[in-house]
Amino acid sequence: MTLTPRPAPGASRTDAARRPHHFVDAAFMSANPSSPQLENAVPASPIHAVVAEDFAAVNRTILEQLASKVPLVETIGQYIIDSGGKRLRPLLVLLAARSLGVEGDRHITLATLIEFMHTSTLLHDDVVDESHMRRGKATANDAWGNAPSVLVGDFLYSRSFQMMVDVGSMRIMEVLSAATCTIAEGEVQQLTNVGNPDVDEAAYFETIQGKTAMLFEAASHSGALLAGATPEQEDALRLYGRYLGLAFQLVDDLLDYQGDAEAMGKNVGDDLAEGKPTLPLIQAMAAGTAEQAKVVRQAIRQGGLERLDEVLAIVGETGALEYTRAKAEEMSAKALAQLDALPDSPYRNSMAELARLAVERRN
């Protein structure tokens, strides 16, 4: 069978989205799911160092759980997982569980399934957003088309639920199954917000709580449950994840108007191009002149980048970027406050540092 390469830039995206799943670049078909790139990939930071052995075990489990009798499943799964990223959600599981003295190795399975849940949402999100670049490389849908990306995302979600059974906790299953529903609702809400300049700050926070912060919350919450947390510790770690996730999303939305494309691995102005009313735009409309608000409203309705320079000037002049950063710092401080319920340990220290870095990062 002849393998058909991706269309050249500017070619029909519709045709690409309709390609059968076996039309895939030959170079990618040779990907090996026992990738040493992943197996040896433990992020080099003090935050990750305290759980380095656990992280290595998570990587090995990822490789084992990617196994499928359908080669394309392994290929695309390997591609997206090898794409890098901070691996924050599995990190939260490991830190939360270790901070409360977890025993055994079920936290490794839990961290792995959380990463699979996250990876599946990335595959689906990139199709919905028609994204072409993530973390500095082509998205899976750009390399293979929409249908394979969606279906492999479905596989990873399904595999994560198989692993939930292995964890063997009905309470954790309740938390994670509820989280998946909330995340899906958040993504749908974001989709309905596209092109709508009337979305206010409260609606924005409701959306990012669902689509982003919920999985952070579920990761730290489930790690606490696995370790036998007291009710106070359980609630503290649940809220820590929530506030950390909100801080990260706020900074992501800030960097879309203030960041560097090479450092971020995505294009500046992507949110505006997609017509997403994020907090920098919402605040710019609230704090700006009537004429400035009109420009931003039109840019949200139209999407695209035709008015990017005007919008960048407006979000700068109105203090919208500083406002967004202040909100992120507020969420970071709330996350830090939750850690008072935990015993002193290197794991708690790493969670504190993670909350601080959430607002200091540039990518």
Protein backbone atom coordinates (compact mmCIF):
# COMPACT_ATOMS: atom_id res chain seq x y z
CA MET A 1 0.00 0.00 0.00
CA THR A 2 1.35 3.45 -0.92
CA LEU A 3 1.64 5.89 1.97
CA THR A 4 0.41 9.37 1.17
CA PRO A 5 2.38 12.29 2.69
CA ARG A 6 0.78 15.31 4.31
CA PRO A 7 -0.43 18.00 1.93
CA ALA A 8 1.89 20.94 1.41
CA PRO A 9 1.20 24.17 3.35
CA GLY A 10 -1.90 25.81 1.93
CA ALA A 11 -3.41 22.56 0.70
CA SER A 12 -6.96 21.64 1.66
CA ARG A 13 -7.34 20.85 5.36
CA THR A 14 -10.68 19.22 4.60
CA ASP A 15 -9.03 16.64 2.40
CA ALA A 16 -6.46 15.94 5.11
CA ALA A 17 -9.13 15.53 7.78
CA ARG A 18 -10.90 12.93 5.64
CA ARG A 19 -7.85 10.79 4.93
CA PRO A 20 -8.11 7.16 5.99
CA HIS A 21 -6.00 6.36 9.05
CA HIS A 22 -3.49 4.27 7.09
CA PHE A 23 -2.32 7.29 5.11
CA VAL A 24 0.58 8.31 7.31
CA ASP A 25 4.16 9.34 6.74
CA ALA A 26 6.42 6.29 6.52
CA ALA A 27 8.97 7.84 8.84
CA PHE A 28 6.42 8.01 11.63
CA MET A 29 5.19 4.46 11.05
CA SER A 30 8.62 3.23 12.09
CA ALA A 31 8.36 4.81 15.53
CA ASN A 32 9.23 2.38 18.29
CA PRO A 33 7.01 2.40 21.38
CA SER A 34 10.00 1.42 23.50
CA SER A 35 11.49 4.84 22.84
CA PRO A 36 14.64 5.50 24.90
CA GLN A 37 13.81 9.21 24.53
CA LEU A 38 10.83 8.77 26.83
CA GLU A 39 12.28 6.07 29.04
CA ASN A 40 15.16 8.33 30.06
CA ALA A 41 13.12 11.56 30.14
CA VAL A 42 12.96 12.90 33.67
CA PRO A 43 12.75 16.72 33.59
CA ALA A 44 15.94 18.21 35.00
CA SER A 45 14.62 20.46 37.74
CA PRO A 46 14.79 20.43 41.54
CA ILE A 47 10.99 20.07 41.63
CA HIS A 48 11.14 16.82 39.68
CA ALA A 49 14.32 15.60 41.37
CA VAL A 50 12.58 14.61 44.61
CA VAL A 51 10.46 12.10 42.68
CA ALA A 52 12.98 11.21 39.97
CA GLU A 53 12.74 7.46 40.56
CA ASP A 54 8.95 7.61 40.51
CA PHE A 55 9.06 9.64 37.30
CA ALA A 56 11.28 7.02 35.66
CA ALA A 57 8.77 4.36 36.71
CA VAL A 58 5.94 6.44 35.23
CA ASN A 59 7.81 6.65 31.94
CA ARG A 60 8.25 2.89 31.86
CA THR A 61 4.57 2.40 32.61
CA ILE A 62 3.60 4.82 29.84
CA LEU A 63 5.57 2.72 27.36
CA GLU A 64 3.96 -0.49 28.62
CA GLN A 65 0.44 0.94 28.50
CA LEU A 66 0.86 2.38 25.00
CA ALA A 67 1.09 -1.16 23.65
CA SER A 68 -1.59 -1.91 21.08
CA LYS A 69 -2.15 -4.45 18.30
CA VAL A 70 -2.82 -1.46 16.03
CA PRO A 71 0.54 0.11 15.10
CA LEU A 72 -0.87 3.56 14.42
CA VAL A 73 -2.15 3.80 17.99
CA GLU A 74 1.38 3.29 19.32
CA THR A 75 2.86 5.62 16.71
CA ILE A 76 0.65 8.62 17.39
CA GLY A 77 0.59 7.97 21.14
CA GLN A 78 4.38 7.85 21.19
CA TYR A 79 4.62 10.98 19.04
CA ILE A 80 2.48 13.15 21.30
CA ILE A 81 3.99 11.84 24.55
CA ASP A 82 7.54 12.27 23.20
CA SER A 83 6.71 15.88 22.33
CA GLY A 84 7.88 16.99 25.75
CA GLY A 85 6.00 19.27 28.08
CA LYS A 86 6.24 19.84 31.81
CA ARG A 87 4.35 16.68 32.85
CA LEU A 88 2.78 18.68 35.64
CA ARG A 89 -0.29 16.55 36.20
CA PRO A 90 1.54 13.27 36.89
CA LEU A 91 4.04 15.29 38.92
CA LEU A 92 1.17 16.50 41.11
CA VAL A 93 0.04 12.93 41.73
CA LEU A 94 3.54 11.88 42.78
CA LEU A 95 4.21 14.90 45.00
CA ALA A 96 0.80 14.78 46.69
CA ALA A 97 1.00 11.06 47.38
CA ARG A 98 4.61 11.17 48.56
CA SER A 99 3.95 14.19 50.80
CA LEU A 100 1.58 11.98 52.82
CA GLY A 101 3.79 8.89 52.90
CA VAL A 102 2.13 6.74 50.24
CA GLU A 103 3.16 3.09 50.24
CA GLY A 104 3.36 0.62 47.36
CA ASP A 105 3.41 1.54 43.69
CA ARG A 106 -0.20 2.35 42.85
CA HIS A 107 0.73 6.04 42.66
CA ILE A 108 2.81 5.17 39.57
CA THR A 109 -0.27 3.76 37.82
CA LEU A 110 -2.33 6.74 38.95
CA ALA A 111 0.21 9.26 37.64
CA THR A 112 0.39 7.41 34.32
CA LEU A 113 -3.35 7.35 33.78
CA ILE A 114 -3.57 11.07 34.61
CA GLU A 115 -0.96 11.71 31.90
CA PHE A 116 -2.97 9.60 29.44
CA MET A 117 -6.13 11.57 30.26
CA HIS A 118 -4.24 14.81 29.64
CA THR A 119 -2.64 13.58 26.41
CA SER A 120 -6.03 12.52 25.06
CA THR A 121 -7.40 16.01 25.66
CA LEU A 122 -4.43 17.50 23.78
CA LEU A 123 -5.16 15.32 20.76
CA HIS A 124 -8.82 16.30 20.82
CA ASP A 125 -8.15 20.00 21.51
CA ASP A 126 -5.76 20.34 18.58
CA VAL A 127 -8.42 18.96 16.24
CA VAL A 128 -11.11 21.29 17.61
CA ASP A 129 -8.77 24.30 17.47
CA GLU A 130 -7.32 23.30 14.06
CA SER A 131 -3.87 23.77 15.60
CA HIS A 132 -0.72 23.14 13.58
CA MET A 133 1.99 23.49 16.22
CA ARG A 134 2.35 22.37 19.84
CA ARG A 135 5.55 22.52 21.89
CA GLY A 136 7.48 23.62 18.83
CA LYS A 137 6.55 20.72 16.54
CA ALA A 138 3.68 19.74 14.28
CA THR A 139 0.53 18.61 16.04
CA ALA A 140 -0.62 15.03 15.53
CA ASN A 141 -3.61 16.18 13.50
CA ASP A 142 -1.28 18.19 11.29
CA ALA A 143 0.93 15.12 10.74
CA TRP A 144 -1.79 12.47 10.35
CA GLY A 145 -5.14 14.21 9.99
CA ASN A 146 -8.10 14.69 12.30
CA ALA A 147 -9.67 11.24 12.37
CA PRO A 148 -6.58 9.32 13.58
CA SER A 149 -5.90 11.97 16.22
CA VAL A 150 -9.42 11.80 17.62
CA LEU A 151 -9.47 8.00 17.66
CA VAL A 152 -6.08 7.67 19.32
CA GLY A 153 -7.24 10.22 21.88
CA ASP A 154 -10.22 7.95 22.51
CA PHE A 155 -7.86 5.01 22.97
CA LEU A 156 -5.79 6.86 25.57
CA TYR A 157 -8.92 7.87 27.48
CA SER A 158 -10.14 4.27 27.42
CA ARG A 159 -6.76 2.95 28.55
CA SER A 160 -6.75 5.43 31.43
CA PHE A 161 -10.03 3.98 32.68
CA GLN A 162 -8.58 0.48 32.49
CA MET A 163 -5.76 1.66 34.73
CA MET A 164 -8.25 3.21 37.16
CA VAL A 165 -9.55 -0.28 37.75
CA ASP A 166 -5.99 -1.41 38.51
CA VAL A 167 -5.65 1.35 41.11
CA GLY A 168 -8.56 -0.29 42.88
CA SER A 169 -10.16 2.68 44.61
CA MET A 170 -13.83 3.45 44.03
CA ARG A 171 -13.38 6.89 45.60
CA ILE A 172 -10.58 7.76 43.17
CA MET A 173 -12.68 6.47 40.30
CA GLU A 174 -15.51 8.74 41.43
CA VAL A 175 -13.18 11.75 41.48
CA LEU A 176 -11.65 11.04 38.07
CA SER A 177 -14.88 10.11 36.30
CA ALA A 178 -16.51 13.31 37.58
CA ALA A 179 -13.43 15.24 36.44
CA THR A 180 -13.68 13.90 32.89
CA CYS A 181 -17.26 15.14 32.64
CA THR A 182 -16.30 18.57 33.97
CA ILE A 183 -13.36 18.81 31.57
CA ALA A 184 -15.59 17.94 28.60
CA GLU A 185 -18.15 20.53 29.68
CA GLY A 186 -15.38 23.11 30.01
CA GLU A 187 -14.15 22.40 26.49
CA VAL A 188 -17.68 22.70 25.09
CA GLN A 189 -18.17 25.94 27.03
CA GLN A 190 -14.95 27.33 25.55
CA LEU A 191 -16.18 26.38 22.10
CA THR A 192 -19.47 28.21 22.62
CA ASN A 193 -17.53 31.25 23.86
CA VAL A 194 -15.55 31.55 20.62
CA GLY A 195 -16.36 34.76 18.82
CA ASN A 196 -18.42 36.08 21.75
CA PRO A 197 -17.08 39.38 23.15
CA ASP A 198 -19.80 39.42 25.84
CA VAL A 199 -18.13 36.68 27.90
CA ASP A 200 -17.37 38.25 31.29
CA GLU A 201 -14.70 37.48 33.86
CA ALA A 202 -16.92 35.16 35.88
CA ALA A 203 -17.78 33.09 32.81
CA TYR A 204 -14.10 33.01 31.83
CA PHE A 205 -13.08 31.62 35.22
CA GLU A 206 -15.84 29.04 35.09
CA THR A 207 -14.55 27.89 31.71
CA ILE A 208 -10.87 27.58 32.69
CA GLN A 209 -11.81 25.88 35.94
CA GLY A 210 -13.47 23.18 33.86
CA LYS A 211 -11.15 22.80 30.90
CA THR A 212 -7.78 23.22 32.67
CA ALA A 213 -7.84 23.46 36.45
CA MET A 214 -10.09 20.42 36.90
CA LEU A 215 -7.42 17.92 35.88
CA PHE A 216 -4.82 19.63 38.10
CA GLU A 217 -7.33 19.37 40.94
CA ALA A 218 -8.13 15.73 40.19
CA ALA A 219 -4.41 14.87 40.08
CA SER A 220 -3.54 16.29 43.49
CA HIS A 221 -6.86 15.15 44.99
CA SER A 222 -6.51 11.55 43.83
CA GLY A 223 -2.89 11.44 45.01
CA ALA A 224 -4.07 12.53 48.45
CA LEU A 225 -6.80 9.90 48.51
CA LEU A 226 -4.38 7.16 47.54
CA ALA A 227 -2.10 8.11 50.43
CA GLY A 228 -4.91 8.00 53.00
CA ALA A 229 -5.18 11.75 53.60
CA THR A 230 -7.16 13.15 56.51
CA PRO A 231 -10.27 15.13 55.47
CA GLU A 232 -8.35 18.38 56.01
CA GLN A 233 -5.39 17.23 53.93
CA GLU A 234 -7.65 15.87 51.20
CA ASP A 235 -9.44 19.18 50.85
CA ALA A 236 -6.20 21.15 50.98
CA LEU A 237 -4.57 19.14 48.21
CA ARG A 238 -7.72 19.28 46.10
CA LEU A 239 -7.79 23.07 46.34
CA TYR A 240 -4.03 23.31 45.83
CA GLY A 241 -4.44 21.61 42.45
CA ARG A 242 -7.37 23.84 41.52
CA TYR A 243 -5.59 27.11 42.29
CA LEU A 244 -2.37 25.92 40.66
CA GLY A 245 -4.28 25.01 37.49
CA LEU A 246 -5.98 28.39 37.41
CA ALA A 247 -2.64 30.15 37.83
CA PHE A 248 -1.12 28.17 34.97
CA GLN A 249 -4.02 28.89 32.63
CA LEU A 250 -3.99 32.59 33.46
CA VAL A 251 -0.28 32.77 32.64
CA ASP A 252 -0.86 30.79 29.43
CA ASP A 253 -3.49 33.33 28.39
CA LEU A 254 -1.17 36.17 29.35
CA LEU A 255 1.73 34.76 27.34
CA ASP A 256 -0.47 34.58 24.25
CA TYR A 257 -0.13 38.38 24.12
CA GLN A 258 3.25 38.80 25.77
CA GLY A 259 5.26 35.67 25.08
CA ASP A 260 7.81 34.48 22.56
CA ALA A 261 6.66 31.98 19.94
CA GLU A 262 9.91 29.99 20.01
CA ALA A 263 9.92 29.74 23.81
CA MET A 264 6.22 28.86 24.01
CA GLY A 265 6.16 26.37 21.16
CA LYS A 266 3.10 28.04 19.70
CA ASN A 267 2.33 31.26 17.88
CA VAL A 268 1.72 34.57 19.65
CA GLY A 269 -1.88 35.61 19.09
CA ASP A 270 -3.25 32.09 18.65
CA ASP A 271 -6.12 32.79 21.05
CA LEU A 272 -7.09 35.93 19.17
CA ALA A 273 -6.87 34.09 15.85
CA GLU A 274 -9.36 31.57 17.21
CA GLY A 275 -11.67 34.27 18.57
CA LYS A 276 -11.20 33.22 22.22
CA PRO A 277 -12.24 35.87 24.77
CA THR A 278 -9.55 35.32 27.41
CA LEU A 279 -8.94 37.52 30.44
CA PRO A 280 -6.46 39.96 28.80
CA LEU A 281 -9.14 40.81 26.23
CA ILE A 282 -12.01 40.85 28.74
CA GLN A 283 -10.10 43.25 30.99
CA ALA A 284 -8.96 45.40 28.05
CA MET A 285 -12.61 45.90 27.07
CA ALA A 286 -13.56 46.69 30.66
CA ALA A 287 -10.73 49.14 31.33
CA GLY A 288 -10.27 50.72 27.89
CA THR A 289 -12.02 53.51 26.08
CA ALA A 290 -15.18 52.89 24.11
CA GLU A 291 -13.13 52.94 20.91
CA GLN A 292 -10.59 50.46 22.27
CA ALA A 293 -13.36 48.17 23.46
CA LYS A 294 -14.93 48.34 20.01
CA VAL A 295 -11.68 47.25 18.34
CA VAL A 296 -11.28 44.29 20.71
CA ARG A 297 -14.93 43.25 20.31
CA GLN A 298 -14.57 43.26 16.53
CA ALA A 299 -11.32 41.30 16.71
CA ILE A 300 -12.96 38.61 18.88
CA ARG A 301 -15.96 38.36 16.56
CA GLN A 302 -13.85 38.15 13.41
CA GLY A 303 -10.99 35.97 14.67
CA GLY A 304 -7.81 35.96 12.63
CA LEU A 305 -4.73 38.10 13.11
CA GLU A 306 -5.57 41.11 10.96
CA ARG A 307 -5.92 43.32 14.04
CA LEU A 308 -3.27 41.67 16.20
CA ASP A 309 -1.01 44.73 16.37
CA GLU A 310 -3.92 46.96 17.42
CA VAL A 311 -5.05 44.49 20.05
CA LEU A 312 -1.53 44.04 21.42
CA ALA A 313 -1.27 47.80 21.82
CA ILE A 314 -4.63 47.97 23.59
CA VAL A 315 -3.97 45.17 26.08
CA GLY A 316 -0.70 46.93 26.89
CA GLU A 317 -2.18 50.42 27.26
CA THR A 318 -5.12 49.32 29.42
CA GLY A 319 -3.04 47.39 31.95
CA ALA A 320 -4.85 44.18 31.02
CA LEU A 321 -1.65 42.15 31.08
CA GLU A 322 -0.73 43.38 34.56
CA TYR A 323 -4.28 42.65 35.70
CA THR A 324 -4.08 39.09 34.37
CA ARG A 325 -0.71 38.52 36.03
CA ALA A 326 -2.07 39.84 39.34
CA LYS A 327 -4.92 37.32 39.13
CA ALA A 328 -2.40 34.54 38.47
CA GLU A 329 -0.36 35.63 41.49
CA GLU A 330 -3.53 35.60 43.58
CA MET A 331 -4.24 32.00 42.56
CA SER A 332 -0.63 31.02 43.25
CA ALA A 333 -0.84 32.51 46.75
CA LYS A 334 -4.05 30.56 47.42
CA ALA A 335 -2.35 27.36 46.30
CA LEU A 336 0.59 28.02 48.62
CA ALA A 337 -1.74 28.60 51.57
CA GLN A 338 -3.20 25.10 51.19
CA LEU A 339 0.17 23.50 51.89
CA ASP A 340 0.00 24.50 55.56
CA ALA A 341 -2.13 21.37 56.08
CA LEU A 342 0.76 19.09 55.06
CA PRO A 343 3.73 17.89 57.12
CA ASP A 344 7.07 19.46 56.29
CA SER A 345 8.92 17.45 53.61
CA PRO A 346 10.89 17.87 50.38
CA TYR A 347 7.67 17.00 48.53
CA ARG A 348 5.75 19.87 50.12
CA ASN A 349 8.69 22.17 49.36
CA SER A 350 8.54 21.15 45.70
CA MET A 351 4.81 21.87 45.58
CA ALA A 352 5.47 25.30 47.05
CA GLU A 353 8.15 26.00 44.45
CA LEU A 354 5.81 24.81 41.71
CA ALA A 355 3.16 27.32 42.82
CA ARG A 356 5.72 30.11 42.68
CA LEU A 357 7.08 29.07 39.29
CA ALA A 358 3.57 28.97 37.87
CA VAL A 359 3.57 32.76 37.62
CA GLU A 360 7.27 33.28 36.89
CA ARG A 361 7.52 31.09 33.82
CA ARG A 362 7.91 32.35 30.26
CA ASN A 363 6.65 29.26 28.43
